[in-house]
N, C-alpha and C. Protein backbone atom coordinates (compact mmCIF):
# COMPACT_ATOMS: atom_id res chain seq x y z
N MET A 1 -114.60 67.49 -7.68
CA MET A 1 -114.77 67.86 -6.28
C MET A 1 -116.17 67.83 -5.92
N SER A 2 -117.11 68.32 -6.74
CA SER A 2 -118.53 68.35 -6.41
C SER A 2 -119.12 67.04 -6.27
N GLU A 3 -118.53 65.99 -6.94
CA GLU A 3 -119.08 64.65 -6.91
C GLU A 3 -118.68 63.89 -5.63
N ILE A 4 -117.83 64.49 -4.77
CA ILE A 4 -117.41 63.84 -3.60
C ILE A 4 -118.49 64.08 -2.51
N PRO A 5 -119.04 63.00 -1.93
CA PRO A 5 -120.09 63.26 -0.88
C PRO A 5 -119.64 64.21 0.23
N ILE A 6 -120.50 65.21 0.54
CA ILE A 6 -120.17 66.18 1.56
C ILE A 6 -119.99 65.47 2.95
N ALA A 7 -120.80 64.42 3.13
CA ALA A 7 -120.75 63.76 4.45
C ALA A 7 -119.36 63.15 4.69
N ALA A 8 -118.69 62.76 3.59
CA ALA A 8 -117.35 62.15 3.65
C ALA A 8 -116.37 63.18 4.22
N TRP A 9 -116.54 64.47 3.91
CA TRP A 9 -115.66 65.53 4.41
C TRP A 9 -115.69 65.53 5.90
N GLY A 10 -116.91 65.56 6.50
CA GLY A 10 -117.05 65.55 7.93
C GLY A 10 -116.45 64.37 8.64
N VAL A 11 -116.63 63.16 7.95
CA VAL A 11 -116.07 62.00 8.51
C VAL A 11 -114.54 62.06 8.56
N LEU A 12 -113.94 62.51 7.49
CA LEU A 12 -112.52 62.63 7.43
C LEU A 12 -111.96 63.56 8.43
N ILE A 13 -112.63 64.76 8.64
CA ILE A 13 -112.13 65.71 9.61
C ILE A 13 -112.36 65.14 11.06
N ALA A 14 -113.48 64.44 11.29
CA ALA A 14 -113.76 63.86 12.60
C ALA A 14 -112.71 62.72 12.89
N LEU A 15 -112.31 61.95 11.89
CA LEU A 15 -111.34 60.91 12.10
C LEU A 15 -109.98 61.56 12.41
N GLY A 16 -109.66 62.64 11.73
CA GLY A 16 -108.48 63.37 12.03
C GLY A 16 -108.46 63.87 13.45
N ALA A 17 -109.57 64.42 13.95
CA ALA A 17 -109.68 64.98 15.28
C ALA A 17 -109.52 63.81 16.29
N PHE A 18 -110.10 62.69 16.00
CA PHE A 18 -109.99 61.52 16.87
C PHE A 18 -108.58 61.05 17.00
N HIS A 19 -107.84 61.00 15.80
CA HIS A 19 -106.48 60.65 15.84
C HIS A 19 -105.60 61.68 16.61
N GLY A 20 -106.00 62.93 16.47
CA GLY A 20 -105.24 63.96 17.19
C GLY A 20 -105.37 63.89 18.73
N ILE A 21 -106.48 63.36 19.23
CA ILE A 21 -106.60 63.23 20.69
C ILE A 21 -105.67 62.11 21.25
N ASN A 22 -105.42 61.09 20.48
CA ASN A 22 -104.55 59.99 20.87
C ASN A 22 -103.18 60.47 21.17
N PRO A 23 -102.71 60.31 22.38
CA PRO A 23 -101.27 60.71 22.74
C PRO A 23 -100.30 59.98 21.93
N GLY A 24 -100.60 58.76 21.54
CA GLY A 24 -99.66 57.93 20.75
C GLY A 24 -99.44 58.49 19.34
N MET A 25 -100.31 59.42 18.87
CA MET A 25 -100.10 60.06 17.59
C MET A 25 -99.27 61.22 17.55
N GLY A 26 -98.79 61.73 18.75
CA GLY A 26 -97.80 62.76 18.77
C GLY A 26 -97.88 63.83 19.77
N TRP A 27 -99.08 64.26 20.23
CA TRP A 27 -99.09 65.43 21.05
C TRP A 27 -98.31 65.21 22.29
N LEU A 28 -98.22 64.01 22.87
CA LEU A 28 -97.48 63.78 24.11
C LEU A 28 -96.02 63.96 23.84
N PHE A 29 -95.55 63.61 22.63
CA PHE A 29 -94.13 63.92 22.31
C PHE A 29 -93.87 65.38 22.24
N ALA A 30 -94.76 66.13 21.69
CA ALA A 30 -94.67 67.61 21.64
C ALA A 30 -94.56 68.18 23.03
N VAL A 31 -95.47 67.69 23.94
CA VAL A 31 -95.45 68.14 25.34
C VAL A 31 -94.15 67.79 26.02
N ALA A 32 -93.63 66.59 25.76
CA ALA A 32 -92.38 66.14 26.38
C ALA A 32 -91.23 67.07 25.93
N LEU A 33 -91.19 67.44 24.62
CA LEU A 33 -90.16 68.29 24.13
C LEU A 33 -90.31 69.62 24.77
N GLY A 34 -91.47 70.17 24.96
CA GLY A 34 -91.71 71.43 25.63
C GLY A 34 -91.22 71.41 27.01
N MET A 35 -91.42 70.35 27.77
CA MET A 35 -90.99 70.21 29.15
C MET A 35 -89.46 70.11 29.21
N GLN A 36 -88.87 69.43 28.25
CA GLN A 36 -87.40 69.36 28.23
C GLN A 36 -86.79 70.71 28.04
N GLU A 37 -87.37 71.53 27.16
CA GLU A 37 -86.86 72.89 26.92
C GLU A 37 -87.47 74.02 27.75
N ARG A 38 -88.47 73.60 28.48
CA ARG A 38 -89.20 74.54 29.36
C ARG A 38 -89.72 75.73 28.57
N HIS A 39 -90.30 75.49 27.42
CA HIS A 39 -90.78 76.64 26.58
C HIS A 39 -91.85 76.15 25.65
N ARG A 40 -92.90 76.94 25.49
CA ARG A 40 -93.99 76.57 24.52
C ARG A 40 -93.48 76.53 23.15
N ARG A 41 -92.42 77.24 22.82
CA ARG A 41 -91.88 77.22 21.46
C ARG A 41 -91.49 75.85 20.99
N ALA A 42 -90.98 74.93 21.87
CA ALA A 42 -90.63 73.63 21.54
C ALA A 42 -91.83 72.85 21.23
N VAL A 43 -92.94 73.02 21.89
CA VAL A 43 -94.15 72.31 21.56
C VAL A 43 -94.72 72.71 20.14
N LEU A 44 -94.71 74.00 19.85
CA LEU A 44 -95.19 74.43 18.53
C LEU A 44 -94.25 73.96 17.47
N ARG A 45 -92.95 73.89 17.70
CA ARG A 45 -91.99 73.54 16.73
C ARG A 45 -92.16 72.06 16.30
N ALA A 46 -92.66 71.25 17.24
CA ALA A 46 -92.82 69.84 16.99
C ALA A 46 -94.09 69.49 16.19
N LEU A 47 -94.97 70.45 16.12
CA LEU A 47 -96.29 70.11 15.53
C LEU A 47 -96.27 69.90 14.04
N LEU A 48 -95.47 70.75 13.31
CA LEU A 48 -95.42 70.55 11.87
C LEU A 48 -94.85 69.15 11.45
N PRO A 49 -93.72 68.74 11.95
CA PRO A 49 -93.22 67.35 11.58
C PRO A 49 -94.15 66.25 12.03
N LEU A 50 -94.82 66.49 13.16
CA LEU A 50 -95.82 65.47 13.63
C LEU A 50 -96.94 65.31 12.68
N GLY A 51 -97.48 66.53 12.26
CA GLY A 51 -98.54 66.51 11.32
C GLY A 51 -98.17 65.99 9.97
N LEU A 52 -96.95 66.28 9.56
CA LEU A 52 -96.46 65.87 8.25
C LEU A 52 -96.30 64.30 8.24
N GLY A 53 -95.72 63.81 9.28
CA GLY A 53 -95.60 62.32 9.38
C GLY A 53 -96.95 61.63 9.35
N HIS A 54 -97.90 62.18 10.02
CA HIS A 54 -99.21 61.61 10.02
C HIS A 54 -99.88 61.60 8.59
N VAL A 55 -99.75 62.73 7.95
CA VAL A 55 -100.29 62.88 6.62
C VAL A 55 -99.61 61.91 5.67
N LEU A 56 -98.29 61.77 5.77
CA LEU A 56 -97.58 60.85 4.91
C LEU A 56 -98.06 59.38 5.13
N ALA A 57 -98.35 59.09 6.39
CA ALA A 57 -98.84 57.64 6.64
C ALA A 57 -100.24 57.46 6.00
N VAL A 58 -101.04 58.45 6.10
CA VAL A 58 -102.37 58.41 5.40
C VAL A 58 -102.17 58.28 3.94
N ALA A 59 -101.38 59.12 3.31
CA ALA A 59 -101.15 59.16 1.91
C ALA A 59 -100.57 57.82 1.46
N ALA A 60 -99.69 57.26 2.30
CA ALA A 60 -99.11 55.93 1.89
C ALA A 60 -100.23 54.84 1.87
N ALA A 61 -101.10 54.78 2.85
CA ALA A 61 -102.19 53.88 2.84
C ALA A 61 -103.13 54.07 1.70
N ILE A 62 -103.45 55.30 1.37
CA ILE A 62 -104.33 55.53 0.27
C ILE A 62 -103.70 55.17 -1.08
N ALA A 63 -102.31 55.39 -1.23
CA ALA A 63 -101.60 55.06 -2.35
C ALA A 63 -101.61 53.53 -2.60
N VAL A 64 -101.51 52.77 -1.54
CA VAL A 64 -101.64 51.29 -1.65
C VAL A 64 -103.02 50.93 -2.10
N ALA A 65 -104.06 51.62 -1.56
CA ALA A 65 -105.45 51.34 -1.96
C ALA A 65 -105.70 51.56 -3.42
N ILE A 66 -105.09 52.73 -3.91
CA ILE A 66 -105.16 53.10 -5.34
C ILE A 66 -104.55 52.05 -6.17
N ALA A 67 -103.39 51.57 -5.79
CA ALA A 67 -102.64 50.54 -6.55
C ALA A 67 -103.43 49.26 -6.57
N ALA A 68 -103.99 48.89 -5.39
CA ALA A 68 -104.84 47.68 -5.38
C ALA A 68 -106.16 47.82 -6.21
N GLY A 69 -106.58 49.09 -6.18
CA GLY A 69 -107.89 49.35 -6.92
C GLY A 69 -107.66 49.23 -8.44
N ALA A 70 -106.49 49.17 -8.93
CA ALA A 70 -106.22 48.93 -10.31
C ALA A 70 -106.43 47.49 -10.71
N VAL A 71 -106.46 46.63 -9.66
CA VAL A 71 -106.67 45.22 -9.92
C VAL A 71 -107.98 44.76 -9.53
N VAL A 72 -108.53 45.25 -8.38
CA VAL A 72 -109.82 44.78 -7.90
C VAL A 72 -110.71 46.03 -7.64
N SER A 73 -112.04 45.77 -7.56
CA SER A 73 -112.95 46.89 -7.32
C SER A 73 -113.00 47.28 -5.89
N PRO A 74 -113.44 48.50 -5.59
CA PRO A 74 -113.55 48.90 -4.13
C PRO A 74 -114.34 48.02 -3.31
N GLN A 75 -115.43 47.43 -3.96
CA GLN A 75 -116.27 46.51 -3.16
C GLN A 75 -115.52 45.28 -2.77
N VAL A 76 -114.56 44.83 -3.55
CA VAL A 76 -113.78 43.65 -3.20
C VAL A 76 -112.63 44.04 -2.23
N LEU A 77 -112.09 45.19 -2.48
CA LEU A 77 -110.99 45.63 -1.64
C LEU A 77 -111.36 45.96 -0.22
N ARG A 78 -112.61 46.25 0.00
CA ARG A 78 -112.98 46.64 1.37
C ARG A 78 -112.88 45.37 2.34
N TRP A 79 -112.99 44.16 1.78
CA TRP A 79 -112.90 43.00 2.67
C TRP A 79 -111.52 42.84 3.27
N PRO A 80 -110.36 42.86 2.55
CA PRO A 80 -109.10 42.79 3.24
C PRO A 80 -108.76 43.96 4.09
N VAL A 81 -109.29 45.18 3.70
CA VAL A 81 -109.10 46.34 4.56
C VAL A 81 -109.79 46.12 5.88
N ALA A 82 -111.07 45.66 5.86
CA ALA A 82 -111.82 45.43 7.04
C ALA A 82 -111.16 44.35 7.95
N ALA A 83 -110.62 43.32 7.28
CA ALA A 83 -109.97 42.32 8.10
C ALA A 83 -108.69 42.84 8.85
N LEU A 84 -107.91 43.65 8.11
CA LEU A 84 -106.74 44.31 8.70
C LEU A 84 -107.09 45.19 9.88
N LEU A 85 -108.19 45.91 9.74
CA LEU A 85 -108.57 46.85 10.83
C LEU A 85 -109.02 46.01 12.06
N VAL A 86 -109.75 44.98 11.86
CA VAL A 86 -110.19 44.16 13.00
C VAL A 86 -108.97 43.52 13.64
N VAL A 87 -108.03 43.00 12.81
CA VAL A 87 -106.89 42.31 13.46
C VAL A 87 -106.01 43.35 14.25
N LEU A 88 -105.87 44.51 13.69
CA LEU A 88 -105.08 45.54 14.39
C LEU A 88 -105.76 46.00 15.68
N GLY A 89 -107.10 46.12 15.68
CA GLY A 89 -107.85 46.35 16.85
C GLY A 89 -107.77 45.39 17.92
N ALA A 90 -107.93 44.09 17.49
CA ALA A 90 -107.84 43.03 18.46
C ALA A 90 -106.42 42.90 19.07
N ARG A 91 -105.48 43.22 18.28
CA ARG A 91 -104.07 43.16 18.74
C ARG A 91 -103.82 44.18 19.81
N ARG A 92 -104.37 45.38 19.58
CA ARG A 92 -104.19 46.44 20.62
C ARG A 92 -104.95 46.22 21.85
N LEU A 93 -105.99 45.43 21.82
CA LEU A 93 -106.77 45.10 23.04
C LEU A 93 -105.86 44.29 24.04
N PHE A 94 -104.87 43.60 23.55
CA PHE A 94 -104.15 42.72 24.39
C PHE A 94 -102.66 43.21 24.51
N ARG A 95 -102.30 44.19 23.80
CA ARG A 95 -100.90 44.77 23.91
C ARG A 95 -100.97 46.26 24.12
N HIS A 96 -100.43 46.72 25.27
CA HIS A 96 -100.43 48.16 25.66
C HIS A 96 -98.99 48.54 25.93
N ARG A 97 -98.41 49.21 25.07
CA ARG A 97 -97.02 49.65 25.31
C ARG A 97 -96.97 51.19 25.51
N HIS A 98 -96.37 51.66 26.58
CA HIS A 98 -96.33 53.06 26.82
C HIS A 98 -94.87 53.55 26.42
N PRO A 99 -94.83 54.40 25.40
CA PRO A 99 -93.46 54.85 25.02
C PRO A 99 -92.78 55.66 26.16
N ARG A 100 -91.48 55.69 26.17
CA ARG A 100 -90.69 56.48 27.14
C ARG A 100 -90.32 57.76 26.46
N TRP A 101 -91.21 58.83 26.69
CA TRP A 101 -91.03 60.05 25.93
C TRP A 101 -89.89 60.95 26.50
N ALA A 102 -89.79 60.96 27.80
CA ALA A 102 -88.95 61.96 28.41
C ALA A 102 -87.47 61.86 28.00
N SER A 103 -87.06 60.68 27.62
CA SER A 103 -85.63 60.49 27.23
C SER A 103 -85.35 60.59 25.74
N MET A 104 -86.39 60.97 25.00
CA MET A 104 -86.24 61.03 23.57
C MET A 104 -85.95 62.41 23.10
N ARG A 105 -84.84 62.55 22.30
CA ARG A 105 -84.40 63.86 21.72
C ARG A 105 -84.16 63.63 20.27
N VAL A 106 -84.91 64.09 19.38
CA VAL A 106 -84.77 63.87 17.95
C VAL A 106 -84.88 65.21 17.25
N GLY A 107 -84.32 65.25 16.02
CA GLY A 107 -84.50 66.42 15.16
C GLY A 107 -85.82 66.36 14.46
N MET A 108 -86.16 67.42 13.69
CA MET A 108 -87.43 67.50 13.00
C MET A 108 -87.61 66.42 11.98
N ARG A 109 -86.48 66.05 11.31
CA ARG A 109 -86.59 64.97 10.28
C ARG A 109 -86.91 63.65 11.02
N GLY A 110 -86.25 63.38 12.13
CA GLY A 110 -86.44 62.18 12.88
C GLY A 110 -87.88 62.21 13.41
N LEU A 111 -88.40 63.30 13.85
CA LEU A 111 -89.73 63.37 14.38
C LEU A 111 -90.79 63.09 13.31
N THR A 112 -90.55 63.60 12.10
CA THR A 112 -91.47 63.24 11.01
C THR A 112 -91.48 61.76 10.75
N TRP A 113 -90.33 61.15 10.70
CA TRP A 113 -90.22 59.72 10.48
C TRP A 113 -90.90 58.95 11.61
N TRP A 114 -90.68 59.39 12.85
CA TRP A 114 -91.32 58.71 14.00
C TRP A 114 -92.83 58.82 13.91
N SER A 115 -93.28 60.04 13.55
CA SER A 115 -94.75 60.17 13.45
C SER A 115 -95.41 59.28 12.32
N PHE A 116 -94.64 59.17 11.25
CA PHE A 116 -95.05 58.28 10.15
C PHE A 116 -95.15 56.84 10.62
N LEU A 117 -94.14 56.40 11.33
CA LEU A 117 -94.11 55.02 11.81
C LEU A 117 -95.23 54.73 12.80
N MET A 118 -95.46 55.73 13.74
CA MET A 118 -96.44 55.48 14.74
C MET A 118 -97.89 55.47 14.18
N ALA A 119 -98.11 56.37 13.25
CA ALA A 119 -99.45 56.38 12.60
C ALA A 119 -99.68 55.12 11.79
N THR A 120 -98.67 54.69 11.14
CA THR A 120 -98.73 53.39 10.33
C THR A 120 -98.99 52.23 11.30
N ALA A 121 -98.18 52.09 12.38
CA ALA A 121 -98.27 50.97 13.31
C ALA A 121 -99.63 50.96 14.03
N HIS A 122 -100.17 52.16 14.28
CA HIS A 122 -101.48 52.24 14.97
C HIS A 122 -102.68 52.02 14.03
N GLY A 123 -102.38 52.00 12.73
CA GLY A 123 -103.45 51.77 11.76
C GLY A 123 -104.21 53.07 11.45
N ALA A 124 -103.63 54.21 11.76
CA ALA A 124 -104.32 55.52 11.47
C ALA A 124 -104.60 55.68 10.00
N GLY A 125 -103.56 55.44 9.15
CA GLY A 125 -103.78 55.62 7.75
C GLY A 125 -104.78 54.59 7.20
N LEU A 126 -104.77 53.37 7.73
CA LEU A 126 -105.74 52.33 7.30
C LEU A 126 -107.22 52.71 7.63
N MET A 127 -107.41 53.48 8.71
CA MET A 127 -108.72 53.84 9.05
C MET A 127 -109.35 54.83 8.07
N VAL A 128 -108.51 55.57 7.36
CA VAL A 128 -109.02 56.55 6.38
C VAL A 128 -109.40 55.78 5.09
N VAL A 129 -108.83 54.67 4.84
CA VAL A 129 -109.06 53.93 3.53
C VAL A 129 -110.51 53.63 3.30
N PRO A 130 -111.31 53.12 4.26
CA PRO A 130 -112.74 52.80 3.95
C PRO A 130 -113.50 54.12 3.49
N VAL A 131 -113.21 55.23 4.08
CA VAL A 131 -113.88 56.48 3.60
C VAL A 131 -113.41 56.82 2.19
N PHE A 132 -112.13 56.57 1.98
CA PHE A 132 -111.72 56.87 0.62
C PHE A 132 -112.30 55.90 -0.46
N LEU A 133 -112.48 54.67 -0.07
CA LEU A 133 -113.10 53.67 -0.92
C LEU A 133 -114.59 54.09 -1.22
N ARG A 134 -115.31 54.62 -0.23
CA ARG A 134 -116.71 55.04 -0.46
C ARG A 134 -116.68 56.23 -1.46
N MET A 135 -115.72 57.08 -1.26
CA MET A 135 -115.65 58.29 -2.10
C MET A 135 -115.36 57.89 -3.60
N THR A 136 -114.49 56.96 -3.83
CA THR A 136 -114.14 56.49 -5.13
C THR A 136 -115.24 55.66 -5.72
N ALA A 137 -116.02 54.98 -4.87
CA ALA A 137 -117.18 54.13 -5.39
C ALA A 137 -118.14 54.97 -6.14
N VAL A 138 -118.34 56.24 -5.74
CA VAL A 138 -119.27 57.14 -6.41
C VAL A 138 -118.88 57.28 -7.88
N HIS A 139 -117.53 57.48 -8.08
CA HIS A 139 -117.04 57.65 -9.44
C HIS A 139 -117.10 56.37 -10.21
N ALA A 140 -116.80 55.21 -9.49
CA ALA A 140 -116.78 53.88 -10.22
C ALA A 140 -118.07 53.50 -10.74
N GLN A 141 -119.18 54.04 -10.16
CA GLN A 141 -120.48 53.61 -10.55
C GLN A 141 -120.87 54.28 -11.91
N GLY A 142 -120.18 55.40 -12.25
CA GLY A 142 -120.51 56.06 -13.50
C GLY A 142 -119.94 55.46 -14.67
N PRO A 143 -120.41 55.74 -15.89
CA PRO A 143 -119.95 55.18 -17.13
C PRO A 143 -118.75 55.98 -17.64
N ALA A 144 -117.65 55.90 -16.86
CA ALA A 144 -116.40 56.64 -17.22
C ALA A 144 -115.30 55.65 -17.75
N CYS A 145 -114.49 56.24 -18.63
CA CYS A 145 -113.44 55.46 -19.17
C CYS A 145 -112.31 55.28 -18.11
N HIS A 146 -111.36 54.42 -18.35
CA HIS A 146 -110.32 54.12 -17.33
C HIS A 146 -109.52 55.33 -17.06
N THR A 147 -109.20 56.21 -18.03
CA THR A 147 -108.40 57.37 -17.84
C THR A 147 -109.16 58.36 -16.95
N ALA A 148 -110.44 58.55 -17.16
CA ALA A 148 -111.19 59.49 -16.34
C ALA A 148 -111.30 58.98 -14.92
N SER A 149 -111.54 57.69 -14.76
CA SER A 149 -111.65 57.13 -13.44
C SER A 149 -110.37 57.26 -12.65
N ALA A 150 -109.27 57.06 -13.34
CA ALA A 150 -107.97 57.18 -12.68
C ALA A 150 -107.76 58.66 -12.21
N SER A 151 -108.13 59.67 -13.16
CA SER A 151 -107.91 61.00 -12.73
C SER A 151 -108.86 61.46 -11.59
N LEU A 152 -110.05 60.94 -11.70
CA LEU A 152 -110.99 61.25 -10.58
C LEU A 152 -110.52 60.69 -9.22
N GLY A 153 -109.83 59.55 -9.33
CA GLY A 153 -109.33 58.92 -8.10
C GLY A 153 -108.26 59.75 -7.37
N VAL A 154 -107.64 60.60 -8.14
CA VAL A 154 -106.60 61.49 -7.49
C VAL A 154 -107.25 62.56 -6.65
N VAL A 155 -108.45 63.09 -7.02
CA VAL A 155 -109.12 64.09 -6.30
C VAL A 155 -109.62 63.58 -5.00
N PRO A 156 -110.22 62.51 -4.83
CA PRO A 156 -110.66 61.95 -3.58
C PRO A 156 -109.39 61.69 -2.68
N ALA A 157 -108.29 61.22 -3.23
CA ALA A 157 -107.10 60.97 -2.54
C ALA A 157 -106.55 62.24 -1.89
N LEU A 158 -106.49 63.32 -2.61
CA LEU A 158 -105.98 64.59 -2.16
C LEU A 158 -106.93 65.16 -1.08
N VAL A 159 -108.23 65.11 -1.40
CA VAL A 159 -109.20 65.57 -0.41
C VAL A 159 -109.20 64.78 0.90
N ALA A 160 -109.13 63.48 0.81
CA ALA A 160 -109.05 62.66 1.98
C ALA A 160 -107.88 62.89 2.82
N THR A 161 -106.71 63.05 2.18
CA THR A 161 -105.49 63.24 2.93
C THR A 161 -105.47 64.67 3.54
N GLY A 162 -105.86 65.64 2.75
CA GLY A 162 -105.82 67.01 3.25
C GLY A 162 -106.79 67.30 4.41
N LEU A 163 -108.05 66.87 4.29
CA LEU A 163 -109.03 67.08 5.33
C LEU A 163 -108.65 66.36 6.57
N HIS A 164 -108.28 65.05 6.42
CA HIS A 164 -107.89 64.30 7.63
C HIS A 164 -106.68 65.00 8.29
N GLY A 165 -105.73 65.35 7.52
CA GLY A 165 -104.54 66.02 8.13
C GLY A 165 -104.85 67.27 8.87
N ALA A 166 -105.78 68.04 8.31
CA ALA A 166 -106.17 69.32 8.92
C ALA A 166 -106.84 69.01 10.27
N GLY A 167 -107.77 68.01 10.35
CA GLY A 167 -108.40 67.67 11.53
C GLY A 167 -107.43 67.18 12.59
N ASP A 168 -106.46 66.37 12.19
CA ASP A 168 -105.48 65.76 13.08
C ASP A 168 -104.59 66.87 13.67
N LEU A 169 -104.05 67.70 12.81
CA LEU A 169 -103.05 68.74 13.26
C LEU A 169 -103.72 69.74 14.16
N SER A 170 -104.92 70.17 13.84
CA SER A 170 -105.59 71.19 14.75
C SER A 170 -105.86 70.60 16.11
N VAL A 171 -106.39 69.39 16.20
CA VAL A 171 -106.64 68.85 17.58
C VAL A 171 -105.28 68.51 18.27
N THR A 172 -104.32 68.00 17.57
CA THR A 172 -103.00 67.73 18.16
C THR A 172 -102.42 69.02 18.78
N ALA A 173 -102.54 70.11 18.06
CA ALA A 173 -101.99 71.33 18.50
C ALA A 173 -102.72 71.88 19.75
N ALA A 174 -104.07 71.75 19.75
CA ALA A 174 -104.86 72.21 20.85
C ALA A 174 -104.65 71.43 22.07
N VAL A 175 -104.62 70.12 21.95
CA VAL A 175 -104.37 69.27 23.12
C VAL A 175 -102.98 69.46 23.67
N ALA A 176 -101.98 69.51 22.80
CA ALA A 176 -100.64 69.73 23.27
C ALA A 176 -100.39 71.00 24.11
N ILE A 177 -100.99 72.06 23.64
CA ILE A 177 -100.92 73.38 24.36
C ILE A 177 -101.57 73.35 25.65
N VAL A 178 -102.82 72.72 25.67
CA VAL A 178 -103.59 72.72 26.88
C VAL A 178 -102.91 71.83 27.94
N VAL A 179 -102.43 70.68 27.52
CA VAL A 179 -101.78 69.78 28.44
C VAL A 179 -100.39 70.47 29.01
N PHE A 180 -99.68 71.09 28.06
CA PHE A 180 -98.41 71.70 28.44
C PHE A 180 -98.62 72.89 29.41
N GLU A 181 -99.63 73.70 29.10
CA GLU A 181 -99.83 74.95 29.82
C GLU A 181 -100.60 74.70 31.12
N LYS A 182 -101.57 73.70 31.19
CA LYS A 182 -102.55 73.64 32.27
C LYS A 182 -102.54 72.26 33.00
N LEU A 183 -102.54 71.18 32.23
CA LEU A 183 -102.80 69.89 32.90
C LEU A 183 -101.60 69.11 33.28
N GLY A 184 -100.56 69.11 32.49
CA GLY A 184 -99.37 68.22 32.74
C GLY A 184 -99.66 66.79 32.26
N VAL A 185 -98.59 66.02 32.20
CA VAL A 185 -98.74 64.68 31.67
C VAL A 185 -99.14 63.58 32.71
N GLY A 186 -99.20 64.09 33.96
CA GLY A 186 -99.60 63.09 35.06
C GLY A 186 -100.98 62.48 34.81
N LEU A 187 -101.84 63.17 34.11
CA LEU A 187 -103.24 62.65 33.90
C LEU A 187 -103.19 61.37 33.03
N LEU A 188 -102.13 61.16 32.28
CA LEU A 188 -102.07 59.98 31.41
C LEU A 188 -101.90 58.71 32.19
N ARG A 189 -101.51 58.77 33.46
CA ARG A 189 -101.37 57.49 34.24
C ARG A 189 -102.75 56.82 34.40
N LYS A 190 -103.80 57.66 34.38
CA LYS A 190 -105.17 57.12 34.48
C LYS A 190 -105.82 57.05 33.12
N ALA A 191 -105.49 57.96 32.26
CA ALA A 191 -106.27 58.10 31.00
C ALA A 191 -105.81 57.22 29.89
N TRP A 192 -104.45 56.88 29.94
CA TRP A 192 -103.83 56.19 28.79
C TRP A 192 -104.54 54.83 28.43
N PHE A 193 -104.76 54.01 29.47
CA PHE A 193 -105.32 52.73 29.24
C PHE A 193 -106.74 52.89 28.59
N ASN A 194 -107.55 53.85 29.07
CA ASN A 194 -108.84 54.04 28.46
C ASN A 194 -108.75 54.44 27.03
N LEU A 195 -107.84 55.35 26.69
CA LEU A 195 -107.56 55.73 25.34
C LEU A 195 -107.17 54.60 24.43
N ASP A 196 -106.29 53.77 24.99
CA ASP A 196 -105.89 52.59 24.17
C ASP A 196 -107.03 51.69 23.89
N LEU A 197 -107.87 51.45 24.85
CA LEU A 197 -109.06 50.67 24.60
C LEU A 197 -110.06 51.30 23.61
N LEU A 198 -110.16 52.62 23.69
CA LEU A 198 -110.99 53.32 22.76
C LEU A 198 -110.46 53.22 21.35
N TRP A 199 -109.10 53.34 21.25
CA TRP A 199 -108.52 53.21 19.84
C TRP A 199 -108.70 51.81 19.31
N ALA A 200 -108.53 50.80 20.21
CA ALA A 200 -108.64 49.46 19.67
C ALA A 200 -110.12 49.17 19.24
N GLY A 201 -111.04 49.72 20.02
CA GLY A 201 -112.48 49.53 19.67
C GLY A 201 -112.80 50.31 18.39
N ALA A 202 -112.19 51.48 18.23
CA ALA A 202 -112.47 52.21 16.99
C ALA A 202 -111.97 51.49 15.75
N LEU A 203 -110.85 50.74 15.86
CA LEU A 203 -110.30 50.05 14.76
C LEU A 203 -111.28 48.84 14.42
N VAL A 204 -111.74 48.18 15.37
CA VAL A 204 -112.62 47.02 15.16
C VAL A 204 -113.97 47.47 14.58
N ILE A 205 -114.53 48.60 15.10
CA ILE A 205 -115.83 49.15 14.64
C ILE A 205 -115.60 49.61 13.21
N THR A 206 -114.53 50.33 12.93
CA THR A 206 -114.36 50.79 11.52
C THR A 206 -114.24 49.57 10.58
N GLY A 207 -113.54 48.49 10.99
CA GLY A 207 -113.51 47.32 10.11
C GLY A 207 -114.85 46.73 9.85
N ALA A 208 -115.69 46.71 10.91
CA ALA A 208 -117.03 46.17 10.74
C ALA A 208 -117.97 47.04 9.82
N LEU A 209 -117.82 48.30 10.06
CA LEU A 209 -118.58 49.25 9.16
C LEU A 209 -118.10 49.28 7.76
N THR A 210 -116.82 48.92 7.56
CA THR A 210 -116.31 48.85 6.21
C THR A 210 -117.07 47.77 5.40
N VAL A 211 -117.42 46.74 6.02
CA VAL A 211 -118.13 45.60 5.31
C VAL A 211 -119.61 45.84 5.32
N LEU A 212 -120.19 46.43 6.36
CA LEU A 212 -121.63 46.56 6.46
C LEU A 212 -122.18 47.65 5.68
N LEU A 213 -121.46 48.75 5.51
CA LEU A 213 -122.02 50.01 4.81
C LEU A 213 -121.61 50.02 3.33
């Protein structure tokens, strides 16, 4: 744990916070459920499955990276990760789909699955992979055996998933409550497109930084 760069912790939490701001990651769904039931309790009840689905998407992306890392080094792996991020970002620049939230009624299991799919489709889990690769690169540079390297890789994976999930869930909860209690969803008619552009730009920038840093 002490060998993991402290700066990476802040980046993971900041990425989680950024994902939490995006309505497509779930807080808008929580607000819609609250409005359907006309009670804050519905908003709060939706937060756990939304956070769990997001964390599972991140964990799945990191698990793929770990599996690929058994074959190629993090330095090589960063190239296809960067390419995927840029492609996803460019795709979102030209495709803007607004989900129809008000008519959706799902259980907690379905909401977890929905959150997982949305986070995966938006590339949220993939955005965490470059940070994870940097964290594991610190271990890979040391003279460790394969067994030690593999065990050390589990620690960055758990740290990356946990810190990112904490940042995402805390911001998702805060935004959902503020929008439900004070602002209403009407603001998204003007804000959604800008957020979509911001998300697309973030994907492209993350892809570029993955190669450059």
